Amino acid sequence: MLIACGDALIDFVPTRNIDGREAVMPAAGGSCLNVAIGMARLGAPTGFVGGVSTDLFGRMIADHAAASNVDISLATRSDHQTTLAFVRIVAGESHYAFYDAETATRNWTYRRGSIPFASVEALHVGSTTLVNDHGAAETKALIADARASSTICFDPNCRPNLVSDKPAYLARMAEFAGSADLIKMSDVDFSYLFGDEPYQQRASTLLAQGTSLIVITRGNDGAIAWHAGAGQIEVPAPKVEVADTIGAGDSFQAALLFALHKQGWLVREKLSKIGADELRRALSFAANCAGLTCTRPGADPPWSHEINWSW
């Protein structure tokens, strides 16, 4: 099984009403839930760990997960309200306003012993759950239990408008990066975390501390990856008609993990030995899945039958 742990929420996605005025449409989302949805739709056995409300929006999330074959039996259901995120597109980038006080996601607590890590090939963590002290602490405990048998995958998916103490946040992200076997981030995330530092320099630092694979997605410029054995690899972004970019990075991560799983390279010991050809194939698949996500509004990762790809 592949597991994603973190945020599950309702995005209010921008649209237009019949008069052409701005409107919003509710859609189940949250970066880590999106990753779980993406992996499951491609055909991987997938579970989600995190807080899911029993309210109206929480039931929408649960139905969305079930329709995409994501197992949420490991999630914590509660009567705390669902996190809401309102989205606006500014200069092609998605900007978010979060309503996340005392929510199910904020109050999630890791239940030790509840997850059979021996059967979990990879654990993905990241995003807004790691901003607050409680969520970060619970996720650290989860990683500590998972690390002996599962590959740890990390996407910071930074949300600066939620960060009140940037130095503390940067230190926290560095700690999570230090525990990860695979790190994926966007160029926007990289800039927030590392400023003008060259990609190669930071990648070398991360590889030296034990990370096997670092990937940076760059929108229309495609993705670039660094691996200790396979070296530096770049793949282009597919040319598509963009509806919006909501969930594109999550779709990329989901497809990358699925591709590595499908090829048999996701296990930690094998990930460190992947060859350049296999890695390029996985990255290209991920880029194509992200591109397809961009062609439709909201976080809507592709299903396996929508991707013309042979393994």
Foldseek 3Di string as FASTA:
>chain_A
DAEEEAAKAWEFFWDADPVRDIGTDIDIDDLRLLLQLLLLLAPDQYEYEAFAEPDPRSVRRVVSCVVSNYHDPNYHYYNFAGKYWYWDADPQDIAIDIDDPRHRRQPTAHDPPSDPLQPHAAYEYEDDLCQDPRSVVRVVVVLVVNVVWYAYEYEHNDRVVSHPDLVVSLVSVVVSLLSHQEYEYEPVVCCSNPNPPDPVVVLVVSVVSPHAKYKYQYVQQFIWMAGPAQGIDGDGADDDDFPGQAQLSSSLSSQLCSLCVVVVQSHSVNSNVDHNVSNRVSRNRSRPQSRVCRRDTHSDTHGSVVDPDDD
